C-alpha atoms as a PDB file:
ATOM      1  CA  UNK A   1     120.876 159.810-263.118  1.00  0.00           C
ATOM      2  CA  UNK A   2     123.490 157.732-261.349  1.00  0.00           C
ATOM      3  CA  UNK A   3     124.946 159.197-258.165  1.00  0.00           C
ATOM      4  CA  UNK A   4     128.376 157.702-258.866  1.00  0.00           C
ATOM      5  CA  UNK A   5     129.993 160.468-260.992  1.00  0.00           C
ATOM      6  CA  UNK A   6     128.876 163.168-258.567  1.00  0.00           C
ATOM      7  CA  UNK A   7     130.263 161.191-255.632  1.00  0.00           C
ATOM      8  CA  UNK A   8     133.696 160.890-257.220  1.00  0.00           C
ATOM      9  CA  UNK A   9     133.664 164.558-258.178  1.00  0.00           C
ATOM     10  CA  UNK A  10     132.860 165.614-254.599  1.00  0.00           C
ATOM     11  CA  UNK A  11     135.650 163.400-253.291  1.00  0.00           C
ATOM     12  CA  UNK A  12     138.079 164.827-255.843  1.00  0.00           C
ATOM     13  CA  UNK A  13     137.319 168.347-254.673  1.00  0.00           C
ATOM     14  CA  UNK A  14     138.059 167.275-251.103  1.00  0.00           C
ATOM     15  CA  UNK A  15     141.228 165.389-252.133  1.00  0.00           C
ATOM     16  CA  UNK A  16     139.796 162.197-250.670  1.00  0.00           C
ATOM     17  CA  UNK A  17     139.589 158.672-252.060  1.00  0.00           C
ATOM     18  CA  UNK A  18     136.437 156.579-252.203  1.00  0.00           C
ATOM     19  CA  UNK A  19     135.887 153.702-249.817  1.00  0.00           C
ATOM     20  CA  UNK A  20     133.702 151.031-251.401  1.00  0.00           C
ATOM     21  CA  UNK A  21     132.713 148.163-249.095  1.00  0.00           C
ATOM     22  CA  UNK A  22     131.046 144.966-250.291  1.00  0.00           C
ATOM     23  CA  UNK A  23     128.546 142.842-248.389  1.00  0.00           C
ATOM     24  CA  UNK A  24     126.272 140.061-249.600  1.00  0.00           C
ATOM     25  CA  UNK A  25     122.576 140.870-249.383  1.00  0.00           C
ATOM     26  CA  UNK A  26     120.787 138.393-247.138  1.00  0.00           C
ATOM     27  CA  UNK A  27     123.837 137.639-244.998  1.00  0.00           C
ATOM     28  CA  UNK A  28     123.358 136.855-242.177  1.00  0.00           C
ATOM     29  CA  UNK A  29     119.656 137.486-242.943  1.00  0.00           C
ATOM     30  CA  UNK A  30     117.826 139.816-245.301  1.00  0.00           C
ATOM     31  CA  UNK A  31     116.525 141.710-242.261  1.00  0.00           C
ATOM     32  CA  UNK A  32     120.126 142.658-241.432  1.00  0.00           C
ATOM     33  CA  UNK A  33     120.974 143.959-244.913  1.00  0.00           C
ATOM     34  CA  UNK A  34     119.571 147.470-244.635  1.00  0.00           C
ATOM     35  CA  UNK A  35     120.984 148.063-241.118  1.00  0.00           C
ATOM     36  CA  UNK A  36     124.353 146.844-242.390  1.00  0.00           C
ATOM     37  CA  UNK A  37     124.166 149.237-245.345  1.00  0.00           C
ATOM     38  CA  UNK A  38     123.474 152.154-243.011  1.00  0.00           C
ATOM     39  CA  UNK A  39     126.331 151.042-240.755  1.00  0.00           C
ATOM     40  CA  UNK A  40     128.694 151.067-243.729  1.00  0.00           C
ATOM     41  CA  UNK A  41     127.708 154.659-244.493  1.00  0.00           C
ATOM     42  CA  UNK A  42     128.081 155.635-240.834  1.00  0.00           C
ATOM     43  CA  UNK A  43     131.608 154.197-240.918  1.00  0.00           C
ATOM     44  CA  UNK A  44     132.614 156.239-243.952  1.00  0.00           C
ATOM     45  CA  UNK A  45     131.557 154.289-247.043  1.00  0.00           C
ATOM     46  CA  UNK A  46     131.205 156.437-250.150  1.00  0.00           C
ATOM     47  CA  UNK A  47     129.663 153.761-252.389  1.00  0.00           C
ATOM     48  CA  UNK A  48     128.176 150.400-251.404  1.00  0.00           C
ATOM     49  CA  UNK A  49     128.628 147.252-253.446  1.00  0.00           C
ATOM     50  CA  UNK A  50     125.774 144.912-252.610  1.00  0.00           C
ATOM     51  CA  UNK A  51     126.250 141.315-253.633  1.00  0.00           C
ATOM     52  CA  UNK A  52     123.348 139.418-255.167  1.00  0.00           C
ATOM     53  CA  UNK A  53     123.714 135.848-253.836  1.00  0.00           C
ATOM     54  CA  UNK A  54     124.248 133.145-256.427  1.00  0.00           C
ATOM     55  CA  UNK A  55     124.787 129.418-256.146  1.00  0.00           C
ATOM     56  CA  UNK A  56     127.967 129.345-258.252  1.00  0.00           C
ATOM     57  CA  UNK A  57     129.924 132.570-257.646  1.00  0.00           C
ATOM     58  CA  UNK A  58     132.907 131.710-259.830  1.00  0.00           C
ATOM     59  CA  UNK A  59     135.021 134.789-259.086  1.00  0.00           C
ATOM     60  CA  UNK A  60     134.558 134.626-255.331  1.00  0.00           C
ATOM     61  CA  UNK A  61     136.696 132.872-252.776  1.00  0.00           C
ATOM     62  CA  UNK A  62     135.448 130.711-249.888  1.00  0.00           C
ATOM     63  CA  UNK A  63     134.363 133.566-247.615  1.00  0.00           C
ATOM     64  CA  UNK A  64     132.014 135.185-250.122  1.00  0.00           C
ATOM     65  CA  UNK A  65     130.877 131.800-251.423  1.00  0.00           C
ATOM     66  CA  UNK A  66     129.778 130.927-247.898  1.00  0.00           C
ATOM     67  CA  UNK A  67     128.009 134.292-247.566  1.00  0.00           C
ATOM     68  CA  UNK A  68     126.019 133.503-250.717  1.00  0.00           C
ATOM     69  CA  UNK A  69     125.149 130.085-249.318  1.00  0.00           C
ATOM     70  CA  UNK A  70     123.926 131.643-246.069  1.00  0.00           C
ATOM     71  CA  UNK A  71     121.863 134.207-247.968  1.00  0.00           C
ATOM     72  CA  UNK A  72     120.308 131.592-250.245  1.00  0.00           C
ATOM     73  CA  UNK A  73     119.371 129.499-247.221  1.00  0.00           C
ATOM     74  CA  UNK A  74     117.475 132.588-246.071  1.00  0.00           C
ATOM     75  CA  UNK A  75     115.638 132.510-249.444  1.00  0.00           C
ATOM     76  CA  UNK A  76     117.206 135.767-250.605  1.00  0.00           C
ATOM     77  CA  UNK A  77     116.163 136.514-254.187  1.00  0.00           C
ATOM     78  CA  UNK A  78     117.024 139.265-256.637  1.00  0.00           C
ATOM     79  CA  UNK A  79     113.613 140.769-255.931  1.00  0.00           C
ATOM     80  CA  UNK A  80     114.433 140.742-252.225  1.00  0.00           C
ATOM     81  CA  UNK A  81     117.746 142.478-252.856  1.00  0.00           C
ATOM     82  CA  UNK A  82     116.008 145.227-254.834  1.00  0.00           C
ATOM     83  CA  UNK A  83     113.491 145.631-252.052  1.00  0.00           C
ATOM     84  CA  UNK A  84     116.363 146.082-249.584  1.00  0.00           C
ATOM     85  CA  UNK A  85     117.778 148.877-251.755  1.00  0.00           C
ATOM     86  CA  UNK A  86     114.346 150.465-251.938  1.00  0.00           C
ATOM     87  CA  UNK A  87     114.083 150.387-248.141  1.00  0.00           C
ATOM     88  CA  UNK A  88     117.592 151.819-247.765  1.00  0.00           C
ATOM     89  CA  UNK A  89     116.556 154.719-249.982  1.00  0.00           C
ATOM     90  CA  UNK A  90     113.828 155.691-247.518  1.00  0.00           C
ATOM     91  CA  UNK A  91     116.565 157.127-245.288  1.00  0.00           C
ATOM     92  CA  UNK A  92     119.511 157.566-247.641  1.00  0.00           C
ATOM     93  CA  UNK A  93     119.107 159.163-251.035  1.00  0.00           C
ATOM     94  CA  UNK A  94     122.764 160.150-251.473  1.00  0.00           C
ATOM     95  CA  UNK A  95     125.017 157.084-251.233  1.00  0.00           C
ATOM     96  CA  UNK A  96     125.427 155.207-254.523  1.00  0.00           C
ATOM     97  CA  UNK A  97     124.547 151.508-254.501  1.00  0.00           C
ATOM     98  CA  UNK A  98     126.081 149.070-256.974  1.00  0.00           C
ATOM     99  CA  UNK A  99     124.685 145.568-257.384  1.00  0.00           C
ATOM    100  CA  UNK A 100     127.392 142.974-257.923  1.00  0.00           C
ATOM    101  CA  UNK A 101     126.611 139.478-259.072  1.00  0.00           C
ATOM    102  CA  UNK A 102     126.135 137.062-261.950  1.00  0.00           C
ATOM    103  CA  UNK A 103     124.060 136.868-265.094  1.00  0.00           C
ATOM    104  CA  UNK A 104     121.660 134.021-264.238  1.00  0.00           C
ATOM    105  CA  UNK A 105     119.390 135.876-261.766  1.00  0.00           C
ATOM    106  CA  UNK A 106     119.178 138.844-264.127  1.00  0.00           C
ATOM    107  CA  UNK A 107     118.343 136.693-267.127  1.00  0.00           C
ATOM    108  CA  UNK A 108     115.756 134.815-265.095  1.00  0.00           C
ATOM    109  CA  UNK A 109     114.037 138.103-264.287  1.00  0.00           C
ATOM    110  CA  UNK A 110     114.515 139.482-267.791  1.00  0.00           C
ATOM    111  CA  UNK A 111     117.116 142.101-268.664  1.00  0.00           C
ATOM    112  CA  UNK A 112     114.787 145.013-269.367  1.00  0.00           C
ATOM    113  CA  UNK A 113     112.550 144.239-266.405  1.00  0.00           C
ATOM    114  CA  UNK A 114     115.608 144.052-264.158  1.00  0.00           C
ATOM    115  CA  UNK A 115     116.958 147.393-265.359  1.00  0.00           C
ATOM    116  CA  UNK A 116     113.630 149.119-264.759  1.00  0.00           C
ATOM    117  CA  UNK A 117     113.211 147.524-261.333  1.00  0.00           C
ATOM    118  CA  UNK A 118     116.763 148.424-260.339  1.00  0.00           C
ATOM    119  CA  UNK A 119     116.247 152.051-261.351  1.00  0.00           C
ATOM    120  CA  UNK A 120     112.968 152.246-259.461  1.00  0.00           C
ATOM    121  CA  UNK A 121     114.640 150.803-256.354  1.00  0.00           C
ATOM    122  CA  UNK A 122     117.457 153.359-256.460  1.00  0.00           C
ATOM    123  CA  UNK A 123     120.352 151.323-257.843  1.00  0.00           C
ATOM    124  CA  UNK A 124     123.161 153.375-259.394  1.00  0.00           C
ATOM    125  CA  UNK A 125     125.415 150.752-260.951  1.00  0.00           C
ATOM    126  CA  UNK A 126     125.546 147.079-261.865  1.00  0.00           C
ATOM    127  CA  UNK A 127     128.597 144.818-262.079  1.00  0.00           C
ATOM    128  CA  UNK A 128     127.924 141.420-263.626  1.00  0.00           C
ATOM    129  CA  UNK A 129     131.017 139.260-263.285  1.00  0.00           C
ATOM    130  CA  UNK A 130     130.224 136.878-266.149  1.00  0.00           C
ATOM    131  CA  UNK A 131     129.010 139.480-268.656  1.00  0.00           C
ATOM    132  CA  UNK A 132     132.084 140.690-270.585  1.00  0.00           C
ATOM    133  CA  UNK A 133     131.454 143.679-272.871  1.00  0.00           C
ATOM    134  CA  UNK A 134     131.048 141.543-275.987  1.00  0.00           C
ATOM    135  CA  UNK A 135     128.313 139.423-274.395  1.00  0.00           C
ATOM    136  CA  UNK A 136     126.465 141.984-272.309  1.00  0.00           C
ATOM    137  CA  UNK A 137     125.271 144.472-274.912  1.00  0.00           C
ATOM    138  CA  UNK A 138     121.582 143.866-274.188  1.00  0.00           C
ATOM    139  CA  UNK A 139     122.039 144.564-270.489  1.00  0.00           C
ATOM    140  CA  UNK A 140     124.347 147.498-271.208  1.00  0.00           C
ATOM    141  CA  UNK A 141     121.710 149.191-273.360  1.00  0.00           C
ATOM    142  CA  UNK A 142     118.926 148.459-270.867  1.00  0.00           C
ATOM    143  CA  UNK A 143     120.944 149.931-268.000  1.00  0.00           C
ATOM    144  CA  UNK A 144     121.948 152.961-270.045  1.00  0.00           C
ATOM    145  CA  UNK A 145     118.290 153.629-270.857  1.00  0.00           C
ATOM    146  CA  UNK A 146     117.598 153.667-267.109  1.00  0.00           C
ATOM    147  CA  UNK A 147     120.620 155.877-266.266  1.00  0.00           C
ATOM    148  CA  UNK A 148     122.386 153.054-264.415  1.00  0.00           C
ATOM    149  CA  UNK A 149     126.157 152.716-264.736  1.00  0.00           C
ATOM    150  CA  UNK A 150     127.748 149.523-266.042  1.00  0.00           C
ATOM    151  CA  UNK A 151     130.790 148.646-263.937  1.00  0.00           C
ATOM    152  CA  UNK A 152     133.401 146.317-265.409  1.00  0.00           C
ATOM    153  CA  UNK A 153     136.336 144.346-264.061  1.00  0.00           C
ATOM    154  CA  UNK A 154     139.890 144.632-265.324  1.00  0.00           C
ATOM    155  CA  UNK A 155     142.481 142.068-264.231  1.00  0.00           C
ATOM    156  CA  UNK A 156     146.293 142.046-264.134  1.00  0.00           C
ATOM    157  CA  UNK A 157     146.136 139.818-267.204  1.00  0.00           C
ATOM    158  CA  UNK A 158     143.863 142.142-269.217  1.00  0.00           C
ATOM    159  CA  UNK A 159     145.349 142.987-272.600  1.00  0.00           C
ATOM    160  CA  UNK A 160     145.389 146.442-274.164  1.00  0.00           C
ATOM    161  CA  UNK A 161     142.603 145.384-276.534  1.00  0.00           C
ATOM    162  CA  UNK A 162     140.467 144.192-273.601  1.00  0.00           C
ATOM    163  CA  UNK A 163     141.063 147.455-271.755  1.00  0.00           C
ATOM    164  CA  UNK A 164     139.937 149.369-274.842  1.00  0.00           C
ATOM    165  CA  UNK A 165     136.773 147.266-275.079  1.00  0.00           C
ATOM    166  CA  UNK A 166     135.985 147.958-271.440  1.00  0.00           C
ATOM    167  CA  UNK A 167     136.671 151.661-271.932  1.00  0.00           C
ATOM    168  CA  UNK A 168     133.985 151.813-274.621  1.00  0.00           C
ATOM    169  CA  UNK A 169     131.357 150.082-272.497  1.00  0.00           C
ATOM    170  CA  UNK A 170     132.016 151.120-268.907  1.00  0.00           C
ATOM    171  CA  UNK A 171     130.629 154.011-266.926  1.00  0.00           C
ATOM    172  CA  UNK A 172     130.765 155.006-263.272  1.00  0.00           C
ATOM    173  CA  UNK A 173     134.113 153.474-262.362  1.00  0.00           C
ATOM    174  CA  UNK A 174     136.394 150.549-263.157  1.00  0.00           C
ATOM    175  CA  UNK A 175     137.027 147.732-260.699  1.00  0.00           C
ATOM    176  CA  UNK A 176     140.648 146.655-260.975  1.00  0.00           C
ATOM    177  CA  UNK A 177     141.138 143.119-259.659  1.00  0.00           C
ATOM    178  CA  UNK A 178     144.557 143.343-258.059  1.00  0.00           C
ATOM    179  CA  UNK A 179     145.187 139.587-257.824  1.00  0.00           C
ATOM    180  CA  UNK A 180     145.156 136.639-260.157  1.00  0.00           C
ATOM    181  CA  UNK A 181     142.551 134.448-258.501  1.00  0.00           C
ATOM    182  CA  UNK A 182     139.371 134.752-256.492  1.00  0.00           C
ATOM    183  CA  UNK A 183     138.306 137.205-253.796  1.00  0.00           C
ATOM    184  CA  UNK A 184     140.145 136.897-250.522  1.00  0.00           C
ATOM    185  CA  UNK A 185     143.080 135.051-252.112  1.00  0.00           C
ATOM    186  CA  UNK A 186     146.768 135.770-252.186  1.00  0.00           C
ATOM    187  CA  UNK A 187     148.972 138.652-251.161  1.00  0.00           C
ATOM    188  CA  UNK A 188     148.473 142.093-252.648  1.00  0.00           C
ATOM    189  CA  UNK A 189     151.493 143.208-254.684  1.00  0.00           C
ATOM    190  CA  UNK A 190     151.455 146.994-254.433  1.00  0.00           C
ATOM    191  CA  UNK A 191     154.347 147.337-256.864  1.00  0.00           C
ATOM    192  CA  UNK A 192     152.351 145.469-259.489  1.00  0.00           C
ATOM    193  CA  UNK A 193     149.310 147.667-258.828  1.00  0.00           C
ATOM    194  CA  UNK A 194     151.488 150.775-259.174  1.00  0.00           C
ATOM    195  CA  UNK A 195     152.842 149.466-262.472  1.00  0.00           C
ATOM    196  CA  UNK A 196     149.483 148.470-263.959  1.00  0.00           C
ATOM    197  CA  UNK A 197     147.261 151.405-263.004  1.00  0.00           C
ATOM    198  CA  UNK A 198     148.999 154.048-265.168  1.00  0.00           C
ATOM    199  CA  UNK A 199     148.592 151.756-268.170  1.00  0.00           C
ATOM    200  CA  UNK A 200     144.863 151.513-267.501  1.00  0.00           C
ATOM    201  CA  UNK A 201     144.501 155.212-266.734  1.00  0.00           C
ATOM    202  CA  UNK A 202     146.114 156.090-270.064  1.00  0.00           C
ATOM    203  CA  UNK A 203     143.205 154.371-271.836  1.00  0.00           C
ATOM    204  CA  UNK A 204     140.278 154.829-269.449  1.00  0.00           C
ATOM    205  CA  UNK A 205     139.234 158.186-268.017  1.00  0.00           C
ATOM    206  CA  UNK A 206     136.911 156.759-265.390  1.00  0.00           C
ATOM    207  CA  UNK A 207     137.866 156.489-261.707  1.00  0.00           C
ATOM    208  CA  UNK A 208     139.570 153.213-260.843  1.00  0.00           C
ATOM    209  CA  UNK A 209     138.856 151.250-257.694  1.00  0.00           C
ATOM    210  CA  UNK A 210     141.215 148.503-256.554  1.00  0.00           C
ATOM    211  CA  UNK A 211     139.909 145.399-254.818  1.00  0.00           C
ATOM    212  CA  UNK A 212     140.879 141.822-253.881  1.00  0.00           C
ATOM    213  CA  UNK A 213     143.483 141.374-251.148  1.00  0.00           C
ATOM    214  CA  UNK A 214     142.717 144.498-249.096  1.00  0.00           C
ATOM    215  CA  UNK A 215     142.210 143.403-245.511  1.00  0.00           C
ATOM    216  CA  UNK A 216     143.309 146.201-243.178  1.00  0.00           C
ATOM    217  CA  UNK A 217     143.796 149.912-242.804  1.00  0.00           C
ATOM    218  CA  UNK A 218     147.486 149.856-243.694  1.00  0.00           C
ATOM    219  CA  UNK A 219     146.870 148.185-247.044  1.00  0.00           C
ATOM    220  CA  UNK A 220     143.840 150.372-247.746  1.00  0.00           C
ATOM    221  CA  UNK A 221     145.903 153.505-247.098  1.00  0.00           C
ATOM    222  CA  UNK A 222     148.655 152.290-249.441  1.00  0.00           C
ATOM    223  CA  UNK A 223     146.165 151.490-252.197  1.00  0.00           C
ATOM    224  CA  UNK A 224     144.397 154.839-251.776  1.00  0.00           C
ATOM    225  CA  UNK A 225     147.655 156.565-252.706  1.00  0.00           C
ATOM    226  CA  UNK A 226     147.585 154.781-256.069  1.00  0.00           C
ATOM    227  CA  UNK A 227     143.891 154.504-257.002  1.00  0.00           C
ATOM    228  CA  UNK A 228     140.712 156.554-256.872  1.00  0.00           C
ATOM    229  CA  UNK A 229     138.909 154.035-254.673  1.00  0.00           C
ATOM    230  CA  UNK A 230     139.534 151.148-252.303  1.00  0.00           C
ATOM    231  CA  UNK A 231     137.178 148.160-252.511  1.00  0.00           C
ATOM    232  CA  UNK A 232     137.008 145.817-249.522  1.00  0.00           C
ATOM    233  CA  UNK A 233     134.755 142.772-249.342  1.00  0.00           C
ATOM    234  CA  UNK A 234     136.043 139.450-248.024  1.00  0.00           C
ATOM    235  CA  UNK A 235     137.307 140.923-244.771  1.00  0.00           C
ATOM    236  CA  UNK A 236     133.901 142.439-244.015  1.00  0.00           C
ATOM    237  CA  UNK A 237     132.109 139.243-244.966  1.00  0.00           C
ATOM    238  CA  UNK A 238     134.404 137.280-242.639  1.00  0.00           C
ATOM    239  CA  UNK A 239     133.536 139.667-239.813  1.00  0.00           C
ATOM    240  CA  UNK A 240     129.839 139.026-240.414  1.00  0.00           C
ATOM    241  CA  UNK A 241     130.438 135.278-240.502  1.00  0.00           C
ATOM    242  CA  UNK A 242     132.365 135.333-237.219  1.00  0.00           C
ATOM    243  CA  UNK A 243     129.786 137.459-235.414  1.00  0.00           C
ATOM    244  CA  UNK A 244     126.462 136.617-233.885  1.00  0.00           C
ATOM    245  CA  UNK A 245     123.757 138.150-236.099  1.00  0.00           C
ATOM    246  CA  UNK A 246     122.821 140.633-233.400  1.00  0.00           C
ATOM    247  CA  UNK A 247     126.414 141.885-233.196  1.00  0.00           C
ATOM    248  CA  UNK A 248     127.226 141.928-236.927  1.00  0.00           C
ATOM    249  CA  UNK A 249     126.128 145.504-237.587  1.00  0.00           C
ATOM    250  CA  UNK A 250     128.308 147.008-234.864  1.00  0.00           C
ATOM    251  CA  UNK A 251     131.262 144.777-235.725  1.00  0.00           C
ATOM    252  CA  UNK A 252     131.178 145.832-239.379  1.00  0.00           C
ATOM    253  CA  UNK A 253     130.796 149.498-238.459  1.00  0.00           C
ATOM    254  CA  UNK A 254     133.854 149.323-236.198  1.00  0.00           C
ATOM    255  CA  UNK A 255     136.001 147.461-238.729  1.00  0.00           C
ATOM    256  CA  UNK A 256     135.188 149.736-241.651  1.00  0.00           C
ATOM    257  CA  UNK A 257     135.520 152.857-239.508  1.00  0.00           C
ATOM    258  CA  UNK A 258     139.105 151.926-238.725  1.00  0.00           C
ATOM    259  CA  UNK A 259     139.854 151.443-242.408  1.00  0.00           C
ATOM    260  CA  UNK A 260     138.316 154.817-243.242  1.00  0.00           C
ATOM    261  CA  UNK A 261     140.413 156.551-240.597  1.00  0.00           C
ATOM    262  CA  UNK A 262     143.568 154.878-241.912  1.00  0.00           C
ATOM    263  CA  UNK A 263     142.792 156.073-245.446  1.00  0.00           C
ATOM    264  CA  UNK A 264     142.232 159.649-244.254  1.00  0.00           C
ATOM    265  CA  UNK A 265     145.417 159.892-242.201  1.00  0.00           C
END
């Protein structure tokens, strides 16, 4: 069974909002991925989104594109990402892990084989950017059979009919993309987020996490007043990129810890 619903329920009882950081597996090296995951938890992460590197990450801005390029140069594969999750589970059996990526690596492995391998490794959710509900039914059923949640994106431009389609397919939580564009782009419009979220919440009963454009504690705190979860990725990936590999773990822990404290104030 996925750990995601229980995590949100525990947070609800404590009147706290979820902090969901994103890093790319294999960046700066695959050997750093598990220590980085533990550092995220130490800093206050409630759920981890772990990016599966891909050569053409269409929804990602330059920072995450470069992280995928670095990971691929380190020969990071989907199998290697699953092995990292399996290793993480040796010491952490509580924190949900969501794989975020694109369809090609999954299709290359085979949908059913991937779902079984992900479940065995300890994955709780999967978000495939280029699998909309109408095209991802095979994966959806395979994940459901393995008790893995299917996470879907909703954008500011999503129509009511699209929201209803997502509501029928999704489980775990919804990832609301707060900006029109790619990760790391633009300026977050909190008024627009505040306007859009009630419309989504009226049709979807799952928790909603907001991502794209969240770069500091002040913004994270403001978003946490509107949504069930705050998703932060590009800023963490930039910190990894700017750091020497040996310093990346501590740098990420410090950055995310400040964001967690800001959310809890």
